[in-house]
Structure formats: structure tokens, C-alpha cells
């Protein structure tokens, strides 16, 4: 059986780490460098950092800050936010970023992503799908500015795999984000059955049972954790955290 990865997903607002609830109301968590040093000690499988404001503010990634973070990270490091050009990708890879997570660029300029995949390989690009239940109709993918994407979730996932060529998908539930109520296993399972590339589940993890369910019952390849990675417990204070690997192994 392939290793099931558990990945802290850190949200960055351009100055520090934050945590959101349903993509709203960011709460300050602390300095990313300090968090990365703690995750080094905890020997995490991988790390994700997403700049949640870069695309909205139409600014490039903060390459200097990312260089500092990457130099501290002793684990595979993925970054997303504000990446627009082939040179942006190239710079990030040179800084030590192993995977670039794309979201808004999928709608803005998919040809750039195809060029990157052709040059660096599919494994270097992760396609992120933010999804939620709209007021009417089925759960659907949404853009970073909150517009519903015309394709269905399954069609969009297949498009990213087959047309764009990304090597991995990150399925991020907007409705479950920061709720501690568990992953959207129904959607994750449907997309797992529709694509051949690895899936990272994201949004809603609140306990070890949620991790076991999404990794071994739903069978996602990886589980990203947000609130569980930065708080001691729901409603409690900040504590850079990571579950004991032994507690998540399939029984």
C-alpha cells in the first residue's frame, strides 16, 4: 500500500499565518518560519503553504519570504498563490519548492500550466479545486473570487487531469473549511473514482477518526489538515500541532 500522507496546510496572508472558517474571517496564527521549524521537529510528511491574498490582490508571490521558508523546510514543500507566469514557476522551483499549487491560473491562463507540465513534469503541479454547495443545485467548483465555474466537479477534475495535465488534485471544501466537522468524503470518493491521479483531501478535519476515514475508507492518497495543525483543540489557543503517525495507521 502506498504511503498515506498527512500534510499541514498553512494559510498565509502576506505577512503571517492565518486560519479561516469557510474561507472567511481569518484569525492570526503566527510566523510561518517558527511553524516550519516545529514541523521539522515533528517530521511531517509534506507541507503546503497557500498565500490566500496574492491572487485577490493581484500580486506576485513574495519570493524572498518563500526562499526563507523553503530554506528552513526539511520536508517536501508545496506553495500556491499569485503564480501567473512560467518564470514564476521556474523561480519557485529554484527556491526549493517541489510542487506549485494552481487555482486561479486554471481559469486565467491554462496554457502556462501546460507549458510548465511539459517542461518540469506533471508531478511538479497540483491542481486545487475549491468547491461548495451553492444556493441551488449540486456542489460545484468555484473560482478564487467566488464565481461558480461552469463545469461540474467531476468534469472539472477530469479536465485538470486529462487536458491540463496536473499530477495531483487538491480538493478543498469551502463549506467544511475550519469547521472541525470532517472531510467531504462523498465528493472526495466520487472524484477518486473518476480520475487516476492522486487526491489530497482538504477542509474540515477535526480528529484522528476523520483522518482514518478519509485515508482508509474513502481512500484518499493524502489528507491536508488546517485547524488541527495550528490549534490545540477546537475553540482553544494556537499550538502548532501534528498527529502521532501511529494513531492514524489503519487498524
C-alpha atoms as a PDB file:
ATOM      1  CA  UNK A   1       0.000   0.000   0.000  1.00  0.00           C
ATOM      2  CA  UNK A   2       1.317   3.441  -0.901  1.00  0.00           C
ATOM      3  CA  UNK A   3       2.138   5.747   1.989  1.00  0.00           C
ATOM      4  CA  UNK A   4      -0.828   7.814   3.130  1.00  0.00           C
ATOM      5  CA  UNK A   5       0.411  11.367   3.597  1.00  0.00           C
ATOM      6  CA  UNK A   6      -0.770  13.784   6.277  1.00  0.00           C
ATOM      7  CA  UNK A   7       0.041  17.362   5.303  1.00  0.00           C
ATOM      8  CA  UNK A   8      -0.248  20.559   7.351  1.00  0.00           C
ATOM      9  CA  UNK A   9      -1.894  23.189   5.138  1.00  0.00           C
ATOM     10  CA  UNK A  10      -0.797  26.656   6.235  1.00  0.00           C
ATOM     11  CA  UNK A  11      -2.624  29.770   5.078  1.00  0.00           C
ATOM     12  CA  UNK A  12      -0.536  32.918   4.611  1.00  0.00           C
ATOM     13  CA  UNK A  13      -2.000  36.411   4.210  1.00  0.00           C
ATOM     14  CA  UNK A  14       1.164  38.135   3.019  1.00  0.00           C
ATOM     15  CA  UNK A  15       2.525  38.905   6.475  1.00  0.00           C
ATOM     16  CA  UNK A  16       1.744  35.944   8.740  1.00  0.00           C
ATOM     17  CA  UNK A  17      -0.123  32.689   9.113  1.00  0.00           C
ATOM     18  CA  UNK A  18      -3.904  32.799   9.482  1.00  0.00           C
ATOM     19  CA  UNK A  19      -6.761  30.328   9.768  1.00  0.00           C
ATOM     20  CA  UNK A  20     -10.137  30.804   8.132  1.00  0.00           C
ATOM     21  CA  UNK A  21     -13.610  29.365   8.614  1.00  0.00           C
ATOM     22  CA  UNK A  22     -15.394  28.677   5.321  1.00  0.00           C
ATOM     23  CA  UNK A  23     -12.764  30.888   3.632  1.00  0.00           C
ATOM     24  CA  UNK A  24     -13.785  33.877   5.795  1.00  0.00           C
ATOM     25  CA  UNK A  25     -12.746  35.682   8.991  1.00  0.00           C
ATOM     26  CA  UNK A  26      -9.004  34.916   9.031  1.00  0.00           C
ATOM     27  CA  UNK A  27      -7.530  34.673  12.532  1.00  0.00           C
ATOM     28  CA  UNK A  28      -3.835  35.366  13.090  1.00  0.00           C
ATOM     29  CA  UNK A  29      -1.783  32.282  13.958  1.00  0.00           C
ATOM     30  CA  UNK A  30       1.840  33.396  13.949  1.00  0.00           C
ATOM     31  CA  UNK A  31       5.063  33.443  11.996  1.00  0.00           C
ATOM     32  CA  UNK A  32       5.482  30.822   9.238  1.00  0.00           C
ATOM     33  CA  UNK A  33       9.194  30.270   9.908  1.00  0.00           C
ATOM     34  CA  UNK A  34       8.518  29.286  13.514  1.00  0.00           C
ATOM     35  CA  UNK A  35       5.791  26.890  12.387  1.00  0.00           C
ATOM     36  CA  UNK A  36       8.058  25.281   9.796  1.00  0.00           C
ATOM     37  CA  UNK A  37      10.795  24.721  12.399  1.00  0.00           C
ATOM     38  CA  UNK A  38       8.304  22.930  14.646  1.00  0.00           C
ATOM     39  CA  UNK A  39       7.069  20.773  11.755  1.00  0.00           C
ATOM     40  CA  UNK A  40      10.677  19.838  11.017  1.00  0.00           C
ATOM     41  CA  UNK A  41      10.972  18.508  14.556  1.00  0.00           C
ATOM     42  CA  UNK A  42       7.700  16.629  14.192  1.00  0.00           C
ATOM     43  CA  UNK A  43       8.920  15.041  10.932  1.00  0.00           C
ATOM     44  CA  UNK A  44       5.800  15.807   8.916  1.00  0.00           C
ATOM     45  CA  UNK A  45       5.358  14.079   5.549  1.00  0.00           C
ATOM     46  CA  UNK A  46       4.970  17.222   3.485  1.00  0.00           C
ATOM     47  CA  UNK A  47       3.986  20.868   3.881  1.00  0.00           C
ATOM     48  CA  UNK A  48       1.574  23.114   1.986  1.00  0.00           C
ATOM     49  CA  UNK A  49       1.626  26.910   2.145  1.00  0.00           C
ATOM     50  CA  UNK A  50      -1.070  28.940   0.371  1.00  0.00           C
ATOM     51  CA  UNK A  51      -0.967  32.723   0.077  1.00  0.00           C
ATOM     52  CA  UNK A  52      -4.694  33.404   0.244  1.00  0.00           C
ATOM     53  CA  UNK A  53      -4.439  37.064  -0.772  1.00  0.00           C
ATOM     54  CA  UNK A  54      -1.886  37.048  -3.602  1.00  0.00           C
ATOM     55  CA  UNK A  55      -4.315  36.455  -6.468  1.00  0.00           C
ATOM     56  CA  UNK A  56      -7.028  38.655  -4.971  1.00  0.00           C
ATOM     57  CA  UNK A  57      -4.543  41.494  -4.576  1.00  0.00           C
ATOM     58  CA  UNK A  58      -3.031  40.766  -7.999  1.00  0.00           C
ATOM     59  CA  UNK A  59       0.486  40.495  -6.644  1.00  0.00           C
ATOM     60  CA  UNK A  60       3.261  38.039  -7.282  1.00  0.00           C
ATOM     61  CA  UNK A  61       4.459  35.528  -4.717  1.00  0.00           C
ATOM     62  CA  UNK A  62       6.795  37.019  -2.122  1.00  0.00           C
ATOM     63  CA  UNK A  63       9.848  35.188  -3.429  1.00  0.00           C
ATOM     64  CA  UNK A  64      12.188  36.494  -0.722  1.00  0.00           C
ATOM     65  CA  UNK A  65       9.909  35.280   2.046  1.00  0.00           C
ATOM     66  CA  UNK A  66       9.297  31.975   0.271  1.00  0.00           C
ATOM     67  CA  UNK A  67      13.056  31.485  -0.088  1.00  0.00           C
ATOM     68  CA  UNK A  68      13.414  31.918   3.673  1.00  0.00           C
ATOM     69  CA  UNK A  69      10.652  29.392   4.316  1.00  0.00           C
ATOM     70  CA  UNK A  70      11.960  26.849   1.803  1.00  0.00           C
ATOM     71  CA  UNK A  71      15.455  27.052   3.274  1.00  0.00           C
ATOM     72  CA  UNK A  72      14.032  26.116   6.688  1.00  0.00           C
ATOM     73  CA  UNK A  73      11.809  23.259   5.463  1.00  0.00           C
ATOM     74  CA  UNK A  74      13.345  19.794   5.694  1.00  0.00           C
ATOM     75  CA  UNK A  75      10.316  18.147   4.084  1.00  0.00           C
ATOM     76  CA  UNK A  76       8.740  18.381   0.603  1.00  0.00           C
ATOM     77  CA  UNK A  77       7.223  21.843   0.316  1.00  0.00           C
ATOM     78  CA  UNK A  78       4.293  22.890  -1.892  1.00  0.00           C
ATOM     79  CA  UNK A  79       3.279  26.503  -2.488  1.00  0.00           C
ATOM     80  CA  UNK A  80       0.260  28.202  -4.046  1.00  0.00           C
ATOM     81  CA  UNK A  81      -0.816  31.806  -4.551  1.00  0.00           C
ATOM     82  CA  UNK A  82      -0.211  34.541  -7.110  1.00  0.00           C
ATOM     83  CA  UNK A  83       1.646  32.333  -9.591  1.00  0.00           C
ATOM     84  CA  UNK A  84       0.931  33.658 -13.077  1.00  0.00           C
ATOM     85  CA  UNK A  85       3.866  33.100 -15.448  1.00  0.00           C
ATOM     86  CA  UNK A  86       6.243  30.343 -16.454  1.00  0.00           C
ATOM     87  CA  UNK A  87       9.029  32.366 -14.829  1.00  0.00           C
ATOM     88  CA  UNK A  88       7.094  32.436 -11.553  1.00  0.00           C
ATOM     89  CA  UNK A  89       7.058  28.639 -11.562  1.00  0.00           C
ATOM     90  CA  UNK A  90      10.734  28.464 -12.513  1.00  0.00           C
ATOM     91  CA  UNK A  91      11.691  30.825  -9.695  1.00  0.00           C
ATOM     92  CA  UNK A  92       9.748  28.822  -7.125  1.00  0.00           C
ATOM     93  CA  UNK A  93      11.334  25.545  -8.202  1.00  0.00           C
ATOM     94  CA  UNK A  94      14.796  27.128  -7.974  1.00  0.00           C
ATOM     95  CA  UNK A  95      13.982  28.262  -4.441  1.00  0.00           C
ATOM     96  CA  UNK A  96      13.294  24.674  -3.416  1.00  0.00           C
ATOM     97  CA  UNK A  97       9.531  24.436  -3.860  1.00  0.00           C
ATOM     98  CA  UNK A  98       8.804  20.909  -5.086  1.00  0.00           C
ATOM     99  CA  UNK A  99       5.175  21.406  -6.120  1.00  0.00           C
ATOM    100  CA  UNK A 100       3.293  24.519  -7.186  1.00  0.00           C
ATOM    101  CA  UNK A 101      -0.431  24.565  -6.439  1.00  0.00           C
ATOM    102  CA  UNK A 102      -2.531  26.275  -9.103  1.00  0.00           C
ATOM    103  CA  UNK A 103      -6.062  27.552  -8.773  1.00  0.00           C
ATOM    104  CA  UNK A 104      -6.930  30.934 -10.330  1.00  0.00           C
ATOM    105  CA  UNK A 105      -4.408  30.338 -13.128  1.00  0.00           C
ATOM    106  CA  UNK A 106      -6.529  27.434 -14.320  1.00  0.00           C
ATOM    107  CA  UNK A 107      -9.159  29.943 -15.424  1.00  0.00           C
ATOM    108  CA  UNK A 108      -6.818  32.827 -16.261  1.00  0.00           C
ATOM    109  CA  UNK A 109      -4.176  31.144 -18.416  1.00  0.00           C
ATOM    110  CA  UNK A 110      -4.205  27.321 -18.556  1.00  0.00           C
ATOM    111  CA  UNK A 111      -1.615  27.304 -21.359  1.00  0.00           C
ATOM    112  CA  UNK A 112       1.020  28.421 -18.857  1.00  0.00           C
ATOM    113  CA  UNK A 113       0.279  25.368 -16.726  1.00  0.00           C
ATOM    114  CA  UNK A 114       0.513  23.058 -19.740  1.00  0.00           C
ATOM    115  CA  UNK A 115       3.922  24.544 -20.590  1.00  0.00           C
ATOM    116  CA  UNK A 116       5.135  24.007 -17.033  1.00  0.00           C
ATOM    117  CA  UNK A 117       3.921  20.394 -17.036  1.00  0.00           C
ATOM    118  CA  UNK A 118       5.693  19.769 -20.339  1.00  0.00           C
ATOM    119  CA  UNK A 119       8.941  21.252 -19.004  1.00  0.00           C
ATOM    120  CA  UNK A 120       9.026  20.122 -15.361  1.00  0.00           C
ATOM    121  CA  UNK A 121       6.677  17.136 -15.341  1.00  0.00           C
ATOM    122  CA  UNK A 122       3.164  16.562 -14.035  1.00  0.00           C
ATOM    123  CA  UNK A 123       4.430  15.772 -10.534  1.00  0.00           C
ATOM    124  CA  UNK A 124       5.519  19.402 -10.119  1.00  0.00           C
ATOM    125  CA  UNK A 125       1.981  20.855 -10.408  1.00  0.00           C
ATOM    126  CA  UNK A 126      -1.050  20.345  -8.151  1.00  0.00           C
ATOM    127  CA  UNK A 127      -4.474  21.489  -9.304  1.00  0.00           C
ATOM    128  CA  UNK A 128      -6.579  22.883  -6.440  1.00  0.00           C
ATOM    129  CA  UNK A 129     -10.357  22.684  -6.692  1.00  0.00           C
ATOM    130  CA  UNK A 130     -12.248  24.873  -4.223  1.00  0.00           C
ATOM    131  CA  UNK A 131     -15.828  23.617  -4.042  1.00  0.00           C
ATOM    132  CA  UNK A 132     -19.041  24.221  -2.132  1.00  0.00           C
ATOM    133  CA  UNK A 133     -22.795  23.806  -2.237  1.00  0.00           C
ATOM    134  CA  UNK A 134     -24.391  26.827  -3.952  1.00  0.00           C
ATOM    135  CA  UNK A 135     -27.790  28.160  -3.027  1.00  0.00           C
ATOM    136  CA  UNK A 136     -29.321  25.987  -5.721  1.00  0.00           C
ATOM    137  CA  UNK A 137     -28.031  22.829  -7.377  1.00  0.00           C
ATOM    138  CA  UNK A 138     -25.233  20.380  -6.739  1.00  0.00           C
ATOM    139  CA  UNK A 139     -21.861  21.086  -5.171  1.00  0.00           C
ATOM    140  CA  UNK A 140     -19.659  22.847  -7.690  1.00  0.00           C
ATOM    141  CA  UNK A 141     -16.160  24.265  -8.190  1.00  0.00           C
ATOM    142  CA  UNK A 142     -15.705  27.980  -7.505  1.00  0.00           C
ATOM    143  CA  UNK A 143     -13.061  30.476  -8.564  1.00  0.00           C
ATOM    144  CA  UNK A 144     -10.901  32.378  -6.072  1.00  0.00           C
ATOM    145  CA  UNK A 145     -13.191  35.421  -6.392  1.00  0.00           C
ATOM    146  CA  UNK A 146     -16.264  33.353  -5.601  1.00  0.00           C
ATOM    147  CA  UNK A 147     -17.678  32.774  -9.081  1.00  0.00           C
ATOM    148  CA  UNK A 148     -19.139  29.367  -9.871  1.00  0.00           C
ATOM    149  CA  UNK A 149     -17.160  27.532 -12.547  1.00  0.00           C
ATOM    150  CA  UNK A 150     -19.378  26.312 -15.375  1.00  0.00           C
ATOM    151  CA  UNK A 151     -18.122  22.717 -15.398  1.00  0.00           C
ATOM    152  CA  UNK A 152     -19.369  20.146 -12.901  1.00  0.00           C
ATOM    153  CA  UNK A 153     -16.971  18.968 -10.220  1.00  0.00           C
ATOM    154  CA  UNK A 154     -16.304  15.659 -11.959  1.00  0.00           C
ATOM    155  CA  UNK A 155     -15.849  17.245 -15.369  1.00  0.00           C
ATOM    156  CA  UNK A 156     -13.537  19.885 -13.908  1.00  0.00           C
ATOM    157  CA  UNK A 157     -11.405  17.243 -12.180  1.00  0.00           C
ATOM    158  CA  UNK A 158     -11.141  15.260 -15.420  1.00  0.00           C
ATOM    159  CA  UNK A 159     -10.262  18.436 -17.311  1.00  0.00           C
ATOM    160  CA  UNK A 160      -7.384  19.158 -14.939  1.00  0.00           C
ATOM    161  CA  UNK A 161      -6.109  15.614 -15.240  1.00  0.00           C
ATOM    162  CA  UNK A 162      -6.611  14.990 -18.956  1.00  0.00           C
ATOM    163  CA  UNK A 163      -6.392  18.415 -20.596  1.00  0.00           C
ATOM    164  CA  UNK A 164      -4.149  20.452 -18.287  1.00  0.00           C
ATOM    165  CA  UNK A 165      -2.044  17.502 -17.185  1.00  0.00           C
ATOM    166  CA  UNK A 166      -1.586  18.214 -13.460  1.00  0.00           C
ATOM    167  CA  UNK A 167      -0.073  15.372 -11.465  1.00  0.00           C
ATOM    168  CA  UNK A 168      -2.249  15.692  -8.376  1.00  0.00           C
ATOM    169  CA  UNK A 169      -5.544  17.221  -7.255  1.00  0.00           C
ATOM    170  CA  UNK A 170      -6.246  19.051  -4.022  1.00  0.00           C
ATOM    171  CA  UNK A 171      -9.960  19.015  -3.194  1.00  0.00           C
ATOM    172  CA  UNK A 172     -10.691  21.880  -0.802  1.00  0.00           C
ATOM    173  CA  UNK A 173     -14.187  22.031   0.708  1.00  0.00           C
ATOM    174  CA  UNK A 174     -15.176  25.652   1.328  1.00  0.00           C
ATOM    175  CA  UNK A 175     -18.208  24.583   3.375  1.00  0.00           C
ATOM    176  CA  UNK A 176     -16.089  22.398   5.678  1.00  0.00           C
ATOM    177  CA  UNK A 177     -13.066  24.693   5.997  1.00  0.00           C
ATOM    178  CA  UNK A 178     -12.292  25.418   9.650  1.00  0.00           C
ATOM    179  CA  UNK A 179     -15.395  23.635  10.958  1.00  0.00           C
ATOM    180  CA  UNK A 180     -13.683  20.580  12.535  1.00  0.00           C
ATOM    181  CA  UNK A 181     -16.623  18.503  11.208  1.00  0.00           C
ATOM    182  CA  UNK A 182     -14.719  16.193   8.881  1.00  0.00           C
ATOM    183  CA  UNK A 183     -13.914  15.997   5.192  1.00  0.00           C
ATOM    184  CA  UNK A 184     -16.459  15.906   2.393  1.00  0.00           C
ATOM    185  CA  UNK A 185     -15.913  12.193   1.857  1.00  0.00           C
ATOM    186  CA  UNK A 186     -18.763  11.871  -0.619  1.00  0.00           C
ATOM    187  CA  UNK A 187     -17.221  14.297  -3.118  1.00  0.00           C
ATOM    188  CA  UNK A 188     -13.707  13.007  -2.486  1.00  0.00           C
ATOM    189  CA  UNK A 189     -14.862   9.447  -3.165  1.00  0.00           C
ATOM    190  CA  UNK A 190     -16.657  10.410  -6.358  1.00  0.00           C
ATOM    191  CA  UNK A 191     -13.611  12.158  -7.782  1.00  0.00           C
ATOM    192  CA  UNK A 192     -11.253   9.379  -6.668  1.00  0.00           C
ATOM    193  CA  UNK A 193     -13.364   7.019  -8.755  1.00  0.00           C
ATOM    194  CA  UNK A 194     -13.217   9.348 -11.763  1.00  0.00           C
ATOM    195  CA  UNK A 195      -9.510  10.183 -12.062  1.00  0.00           C
ATOM    196  CA  UNK A 196      -6.261   8.222 -11.942  1.00  0.00           C
ATOM    197  CA  UNK A 197      -4.042  10.840 -10.288  1.00  0.00           C
ATOM    198  CA  UNK A 198      -3.517  11.209  -6.516  1.00  0.00           C
ATOM    199  CA  UNK A 199      -6.014  13.175  -4.425  1.00  0.00           C
ATOM    200  CA  UNK A 200      -5.284  15.409  -1.436  1.00  0.00           C
ATOM    201  CA  UNK A 201      -8.393  15.876   0.730  1.00  0.00           C
ATOM    202  CA  UNK A 202      -8.654  19.273   2.408  1.00  0.00           C
ATOM    203  CA  UNK A 203     -11.160  21.130   4.567  1.00  0.00           C
ATOM    204  CA  UNK A 204     -12.817  20.124   7.835  1.00  0.00           C
ATOM    205  CA  UNK A 205     -10.513  17.702   9.623  1.00  0.00           C
ATOM    206  CA  UNK A 206     -11.110  17.769  13.363  1.00  0.00           C
ATOM    207  CA  UNK A 207      -9.829  14.496  14.795  1.00  0.00           C
ATOM    208  CA  UNK A 208      -7.952  11.258  14.175  1.00  0.00           C
ATOM    209  CA  UNK A 209     -11.118   9.417  13.105  1.00  0.00           C
ATOM    210  CA  UNK A 210     -11.645  11.949  10.301  1.00  0.00           C
ATOM    211  CA  UNK A 211      -8.125  11.218   9.063  1.00  0.00           C
ATOM    212  CA  UNK A 212      -8.627   7.446   9.220  1.00  0.00           C
ATOM    213  CA  UNK A 213     -11.933   7.669   7.390  1.00  0.00           C
ATOM    214  CA  UNK A 214     -10.722   9.828   4.513  1.00  0.00           C
ATOM    215  CA  UNK A 215      -7.448   7.919   4.104  1.00  0.00           C
ATOM    216  CA  UNK A 216      -8.599   4.330   4.539  1.00  0.00           C
ATOM    217  CA  UNK A 217     -12.361   4.239   3.941  1.00  0.00           C
ATOM    218  CA  UNK A 218     -12.686   6.929   1.281  1.00  0.00           C
ATOM    219  CA  UNK A 219      -9.108   6.007   0.225  1.00  0.00           C
ATOM    220  CA  UNK A 220      -7.695   9.462  -0.488  1.00  0.00           C
ATOM    221  CA  UNK A 221      -3.966   9.460  -1.154  1.00  0.00           C
ATOM    222  CA  UNK A 222      -3.303  12.303   1.283  1.00  0.00           C
ATOM    223  CA  UNK A 223      -5.093  14.384   3.896  1.00  0.00           C
ATOM    224  CA  UNK A 224      -4.342  18.056   4.467  1.00  0.00           C
ATOM    225  CA  UNK A 225      -5.000  19.409   7.955  1.00  0.00           C
ATOM    226  CA  UNK A 226      -5.557  23.073   8.781  1.00  0.00           C
ATOM    227  CA  UNK A 227      -7.149  23.799  12.167  1.00  0.00           C
ATOM    228  CA  UNK A 228      -5.769  20.573  13.653  1.00  0.00           C
ATOM    229  CA  UNK A 229      -2.290  21.709  12.602  1.00  0.00           C
ATOM    230  CA  UNK A 230      -2.397  25.116  14.299  1.00  0.00           C
ATOM    231  CA  UNK A 231      -4.773  24.841  17.285  1.00  0.00           C
ATOM    232  CA  UNK A 232      -4.561  22.678  20.397  1.00  0.00           C
ATOM    233  CA  UNK A 233      -8.308  21.900  20.192  1.00  0.00           C
ATOM    234  CA  UNK A 234     -11.430  23.473  18.756  1.00  0.00           C
ATOM    235  CA  UNK A 235     -12.020  26.799  20.451  1.00  0.00           C
ATOM    236  CA  UNK A 236      -8.641  26.664  22.173  1.00  0.00           C
ATOM    237  CA  UNK A 237      -5.401  28.568  21.664  1.00  0.00           C
ATOM    238  CA  UNK A 238      -2.765  28.379  18.967  1.00  0.00           C
ATOM    239  CA  UNK A 239      -0.497  25.352  19.126  1.00  0.00           C
ATOM    240  CA  UNK A 240       1.494  24.195  16.115  1.00  0.00           C
ATOM    241  CA  UNK A 241       0.413  20.590  16.075  1.00  0.00           C
ATOM    242  CA  UNK A 242       0.708  17.305  14.196  1.00  0.00           C
ATOM    243  CA  UNK A 243      -0.991  13.989  14.962  1.00  0.00           C
ATOM    244  CA  UNK A 244       1.008  10.976  16.056  1.00  0.00           C
ATOM    245  CA  UNK A 245       1.592   8.877  12.956  1.00  0.00           C
ATOM    246  CA  UNK A 246       0.932   5.637  14.851  1.00  0.00           C
ATOM    247  CA  UNK A 247      -2.542   6.838  15.818  1.00  0.00           C
ATOM    248  CA  UNK A 248      -3.553   7.226  12.166  1.00  0.00           C
ATOM    249  CA  UNK A 249      -2.328   3.854  10.880  1.00  0.00           C
ATOM    250  CA  UNK A 250      -5.089   1.594   9.602  1.00  0.00           C
ATOM    251  CA  UNK A 251      -6.113  -0.956  12.211  1.00  0.00           C
END
